[in-house]
Protein backbone atom coordinates (compact mmCIF):
# COMPACT_ATOMS: atom_id res chain seq x y z
CA MET A 1 98.44 143.08 81.11
CA LYS A 2 101.94 141.70 80.86
CA PHE A 3 102.70 138.35 79.48
CA THR A 4 105.64 136.18 78.13
CA LYS A 5 105.36 134.40 74.75
CA MET A 6 107.06 131.00 75.49
CA GLN A 7 107.40 127.97 72.98
CA GLY A 8 108.69 124.41 73.36
CA ILE A 9 109.80 123.01 70.04
CA GLY A 10 107.04 125.31 68.29
CA ASN A 11 104.09 124.63 70.73
CA ASP A 12 103.82 127.98 71.79
CA TYR A 13 101.68 129.56 74.49
CA VAL A 14 101.06 133.10 75.99
CA TYR A 15 102.04 132.79 79.63
CA VAL A 16 100.81 135.28 82.50
CA ASN A 17 102.33 135.51 85.74
CA CYS A 18 99.29 135.36 88.32
CA PHE A 19 101.62 136.00 91.20
CA GLU A 20 101.22 139.95 89.61
CA GLU A 21 98.46 139.68 86.85
CA LYS A 22 94.93 138.70 87.75
CA VAL A 23 92.80 137.12 85.23
CA GLU A 24 88.89 137.24 85.48
CA ASP A 25 87.72 135.31 82.27
CA PRO A 26 90.64 132.81 81.35
CA ALA A 27 88.71 131.07 78.63
CA ALA A 28 87.67 134.41 76.87
CA LEU A 29 91.67 135.60 77.54
CA ALA A 30 92.93 132.56 75.69
CA LYS A 31 90.69 132.76 72.55
CA PHE A 32 91.57 136.40 72.47
CA VAL A 33 95.22 136.08 72.77
CA SER A 34 95.65 132.87 70.72
CA ASP A 35 94.21 134.78 67.76
CA ARG A 36 97.23 134.99 65.07
CA HIS A 37 95.74 138.09 63.76
CA PHE A 38 93.97 140.03 66.11
CA GLY A 39 95.57 138.93 69.28
CA ILE A 40 99.02 137.42 70.00
CA GLY A 41 99.22 134.31 68.73
CA SER A 42 99.47 131.16 70.20
CA ASP A 43 98.34 127.58 70.41
CA GLY A 44 96.47 128.58 73.84
CA LEU A 45 97.22 130.18 77.28
CA ILE A 46 99.30 129.33 80.64
CA LEU A 47 98.73 130.72 83.96
CA ILE A 48 101.33 130.32 86.31
CA LYS A 49 99.64 130.37 89.96
CA PRO A 50 100.54 129.88 93.64
CA SER A 51 99.94 126.30 94.84
CA LYS A 52 99.20 124.74 97.96
CA ASN A 53 100.20 121.16 97.19
CA ALA A 54 103.28 121.86 94.75
CA ASP A 55 105.82 124.54 93.99
CA PHE A 56 103.50 126.13 91.24
CA THR A 57 100.39 125.46 89.76
CA MET A 58 99.97 125.57 85.93
CA ASP A 59 96.44 126.44 84.37
CA MET A 60 96.08 125.69 80.66
CA TYR A 61 93.60 126.80 78.17
CA ASN A 62 93.46 125.73 74.46
CA ALA A 63 93.06 128.21 71.68
CA ASP A 64 89.14 127.53 71.46
CA GLY A 65 89.13 128.62 75.39
CA SER A 66 88.43 124.90 76.28
CA GLN A 67 90.45 124.19 79.79
CA GLY A 68 92.93 121.04 79.11
CA GLU A 69 94.26 118.85 81.80
CA MET A 70 98.25 118.87 81.01
CA CYS A 71 100.45 120.21 78.15
CA GLY A 72 103.81 118.59 78.17
CA ASN A 73 105.57 121.23 76.52
CA GLY A 74 103.94 124.35 78.02
CA ILE A 75 104.87 122.91 81.76
CA ARG A 76 108.93 122.70 80.38
CA CYS A 77 108.14 126.45 79.73
CA VAL A 78 106.55 127.05 82.90
CA ALA A 79 109.56 125.75 84.73
CA LYS A 80 112.08 127.86 82.55
CA TYR A 81 109.83 130.84 83.27
CA VAL A 82 109.88 130.32 87.26
CA TYR A 83 113.66 129.69 87.24
CA ASP A 84 114.87 132.34 84.73
CA LYS A 85 112.51 134.84 86.78
CA GLY A 86 113.76 134.22 89.78
CA LEU A 87 110.57 132.78 91.51
CA THR A 88 112.71 129.61 92.32
CA ASP A 89 116.25 129.05 92.75
CA GLN A 90 115.63 125.07 92.79
CA GLN A 91 116.51 122.79 89.90
CA GLN A 92 114.06 120.36 91.18
CA ILE A 93 110.56 121.45 91.22
CA SER A 94 106.84 120.44 91.33
CA ILE A 95 104.01 121.86 89.46
CA GLU A 96 100.56 121.21 90.33
CA THR A 97 98.08 120.70 87.05
CA LEU A 98 94.59 118.94 86.58
CA ALA A 99 96.60 116.10 85.81
CA GLY A 100 98.39 115.49 89.23
CA ILE A 101 101.79 117.05 90.21
CA LYS A 102 104.52 116.69 87.90
CA TYR A 103 107.78 116.63 88.96
CA LEU A 104 110.88 118.49 86.77
CA ASP A 105 114.47 118.45 86.63
CA LEU A 106 115.94 121.45 85.33
CA THR A 107 119.32 121.71 83.21
CA VAL A 108 120.76 125.21 83.82
CA GLU A 109 123.57 126.71 81.97
CA ASP A 110 124.82 130.45 82.39
CA GLY A 111 122.02 130.83 84.88
CA LYS A 112 119.13 129.86 82.37
CA VAL A 113 117.10 126.73 82.09
CA VAL A 114 117.94 125.14 78.56
CA LEU A 115 116.44 121.70 78.94
CA VAL A 116 113.83 120.17 80.97
CA ARG A 117 112.99 116.35 82.26
CA VAL A 118 109.51 116.00 83.26
CA ASP A 119 108.05 112.89 84.93
CA MET A 120 104.95 112.63 83.13
CA GLY A 121 103.43 110.27 85.50
CA GLU A 122 101.83 106.72 84.48
CA PRO A 123 100.02 106.06 81.26
CA GLU A 124 96.46 105.29 81.83
CA LEU A 125 95.16 102.93 79.37
CA ILE A 126 91.76 101.53 80.85
CA ALA A 127 89.26 102.62 78.22
CA GLU A 128 86.63 104.11 80.30
CA LYS A 129 89.47 106.11 82.31
CA ILE A 130 90.68 107.87 79.04
CA PRO A 131 87.94 108.19 78.25
CA VAL A 132 86.77 106.11 75.24
CA ILE A 133 83.88 104.21 74.59
CA ALA A 134 84.87 100.47 73.54
CA ASP A 135 84.00 96.86 74.07
CA SER A 136 87.50 96.00 75.42
CA GLU A 137 89.07 97.14 78.59
CA LYS A 138 92.14 98.37 76.55
CA VAL A 139 92.07 100.02 73.01
CA ILE A 140 95.22 98.71 71.55
CA ASP A 141 95.91 98.27 67.67
CA ALA A 142 91.90 98.70 67.32
CA PRO A 143 90.19 99.37 63.99
CA ILE A 144 88.08 102.66 63.63
CA GLU A 145 86.52 103.83 60.78
CA ILE A 146 86.51 107.53 59.68
CA ASP A 147 85.61 108.78 56.41
CA GLY A 148 85.23 105.47 55.01
CA THR A 149 89.16 104.34 55.60
CA THR A 150 90.02 101.83 58.52
CA TYR A 151 92.95 103.09 60.70
CA HIS A 152 94.06 101.28 63.75
CA MET A 153 94.36 103.26 67.03
CA THR A 154 95.92 102.86 70.38
CA CYS A 155 94.12 104.97 73.30
CA VAL A 156 96.36 106.34 76.20
CA SER A 157 95.99 108.97 78.46
CA MET A 158 98.68 110.87 79.70
CA GLY A 159 96.12 112.99 82.21
CA ASN A 160 94.45 114.23 78.65
CA PRO A 161 93.14 111.61 76.16
CA HIS A 162 95.12 110.46 73.10
CA CYS A 163 94.51 108.35 70.14
CA VAL A 164 97.86 106.89 68.57
CA VAL A 165 97.73 106.01 65.08
CA PHE A 166 100.50 104.44 63.28
CA MET A 167 100.75 104.70 59.53
CA ASN A 168 103.36 104.74 56.32
CA ASP A 169 103.44 108.25 55.58
CA VAL A 170 102.59 111.05 57.92
CA GLU A 171 104.12 114.10 55.72
CA ASP A 172 101.58 114.10 53.01
CA PHE A 173 98.42 112.97 55.08
CA GLU A 174 95.79 115.32 55.01
CA ILE A 175 95.62 116.24 58.57
CA GLU A 176 93.37 119.18 58.31
CA LYS A 177 90.65 116.94 56.95
CA THR A 178 91.12 114.08 59.14
CA GLY A 179 92.15 115.34 62.52
CA PRO A 180 88.83 117.14 63.06
CA LEU A 181 86.73 113.92 62.23
CA PHE A 182 88.97 111.75 64.88
CA GLU A 183 88.89 114.39 67.43
CA ASN A 184 84.90 114.77 67.22
CA TYR A 185 84.51 111.02 66.86
CA LYS A 186 81.43 109.89 68.75
CA ASP A 187 83.49 107.11 70.93
CA PHE A 188 85.42 110.05 72.34
CA PRO A 189 83.30 111.38 75.11
CA LYS A 190 85.54 114.36 75.85
CA ARG A 191 86.93 114.46 72.52
CA ILE A 192 90.43 113.08 71.68
CA ASN A 193 94.00 114.49 70.70
CA THR A 194 95.26 112.32 67.72
CA GLU A 195 98.87 111.34 66.80
CA PHE A 196 99.89 110.19 63.21
CA VAL A 197 102.96 108.49 63.52
CA LYS A 198 105.51 106.76 61.25
CA VAL A 199 107.83 104.08 62.69
CA ILE A 200 111.54 105.26 61.71
CA ASP A 201 113.36 102.32 64.01
CA GLU A 202 112.95 100.60 67.31
CA HIS A 203 114.15 104.08 68.73
CA THR A 204 112.69 106.55 66.14
CA LEU A 205 109.15 107.77 65.46
CA GLN A 206 108.10 110.63 63.43
CA MET A 207 104.62 112.22 64.54
CA ARG A 208 102.06 115.02 63.47
CA VAL A 209 99.60 115.87 65.96
CA TRP A 210 96.17 117.23 65.85
CA GLU A 211 95.11 118.64 69.30
CA ARG A 212 91.53 118.98 70.53
CA GLY A 213 90.50 122.80 70.52
CA SER A 214 93.76 124.14 68.79
CA GLY A 215 94.23 121.95 65.92
CA GLU A 216 97.42 120.66 64.16
CA THR A 217 100.39 122.19 66.25
CA LEU A 218 104.03 122.03 65.83
CA ALA A 219 104.39 119.92 68.89
CA CYS A 220 102.36 118.02 71.98
CA GLY A 221 104.58 116.66 74.67
CA THR A 222 101.91 114.75 76.29
CA GLY A 223 101.27 113.43 72.72
CA ALA A 224 104.78 112.22 72.63
CA CYS A 225 104.43 110.49 75.68
CA ALA A 226 101.21 108.76 74.65
CA THR A 227 103.03 107.84 71.34
CA ALA A 228 105.81 106.36 73.05
CA VAL A 229 103.77 104.06 75.14
CA ALA A 230 101.74 103.12 72.08
CA ALA A 231 104.70 102.11 70.13
CA VAL A 232 105.97 99.84 72.79
CA LEU A 233 102.61 98.54 73.21
CA ASN A 234 102.25 97.42 69.69
CA GLY A 235 106.01 96.06 69.59
CA HIS A 236 107.53 98.99 67.14
CA CYS A 237 110.03 100.49 69.86
CA ASN A 238 111.65 99.85 73.23
CA GLY A 239 114.13 102.01 75.53
CA GLU A 240 114.29 105.81 74.98
CA ILE A 241 112.70 106.87 72.17
CA LEU A 242 113.37 110.11 70.00
CA ILE A 243 110.15 111.58 68.26
CA HIS A 244 110.40 113.90 65.47
CA LEU A 245 107.60 116.21 65.51
CA LEU A 246 107.20 119.51 63.36
CA GLY A 247 108.83 121.88 65.83
CA GLY A 248 111.70 119.84 66.92
CA ASP A 249 112.65 116.59 68.71
CA LEU A 250 111.51 115.13 72.25
CA LYS A 251 113.31 112.30 74.12
CA ILE A 252 110.75 109.92 75.96
CA GLU A 253 111.29 107.02 78.09
CA TRP A 254 108.66 104.74 79.49
CA ASP A 255 110.41 103.18 82.91
CA LYS A 256 108.58 99.82 83.08
CA GLU A 257 109.78 98.94 86.84
CA THR A 258 107.87 102.65 88.18
CA ASN A 259 105.34 102.64 85.38
CA HIS A 260 106.46 106.29 85.07
CA VAL A 261 106.79 108.11 81.38
CA PHE A 262 109.52 110.75 81.55
CA MET A 263 109.86 113.28 78.77
CA THR A 264 113.07 115.45 78.04
CA GLY A 265 113.10 118.79 75.68
CA PRO A 266 113.91 122.48 75.56
CA ALA A 267 111.96 125.36 76.53
CA ALA A 268 112.63 129.00 75.04
CA ILE A 269 111.22 132.39 75.39
CA SER A 270 110.02 134.26 72.39
CA PHE A 271 109.13 137.56 73.17
CA GLU A 272 107.54 139.72 76.34
CA GLY A 273 104.83 142.23 76.06
CA GLU A 274 101.98 144.07 77.42
CA ILE A 275 98.55 144.12 75.89
CA ASN A 276 95.14 146.06 76.39
CA LEU A 277 92.43 144.02 77.38
C-alpha cells in the first residue's frame, strides 16, 4: 500500500489515496500505521476518498482505531495533497467529513499549497449535542473535579467534542496524568478532547491538547477552534486569535455575524512510501 506521511504543525497522520488504494479494515490499519515503533508512526490515519456531495471525502481514524468526526490539521493536509498531486486544480474546494462539508481556500506558491484557510462551520454549545451531561443548557466556566482538583471547563463541539480549561501554567502541567481522566470522565458519553490553555493577551493563547484516542498531540485544529470560541465566551479574547501549540501556530477567527469559525495554518508532506500489510 502506498502512503504519504503529512503533518499540520506537528499533528501527523498517514494519508492514503483511496482513488488508487483499497483499505478493507481502516480501524485495524490505523492502529498498525500509527505505532511509532512497529508501524509508520502517526497520530492516526486519514483516507482521501471520492464524494457525491463535495469535491472529496476525508475519513479519519485515531491512533487507537476509533473513528473521529473531523480533524482540522488533517483537512488542511488533505487540501494540500489533492492540489499538489493534481487531483484538483481549484484553489477553493469542499471536503466531506462526518462533521459535515467543509470549505477551504488554498494559498499556492510555485504550484504547491503553503497555507490553507478552512471554514470550520458553526460551534455547537448546547450540552446534549456536544455531548456532555450537564444540569444547564450550556457548559461555560463550569466546575469539574478531577482527581481532587477543581478545574473550570467550557465545552464546545466543532463536529467533535471539546472541553477547554483555562489555567495559569500549561508548560509544567502533568497532562499525561490528567488528560486521560478528563477523556474518560463520566459526564462525557463519547469521551472528550481536552485543551489546557493559558491566556497571553486578548489576541494570543498558549495551548496543549489531550486528544481522545491519541493522547497528547503537538496540535489539534478543531481544538484550537473550540479554544478560541471558549476564550471569547469567557471574555479572555476577541477578534483574530493567534494560538501557540507545541507544533506551531494557528490563526483562528470566530465571525459573530455568520457564527462560523475560520482556521488558517500550514500543511506539509513529511515523506512518502510503501508498506506491506
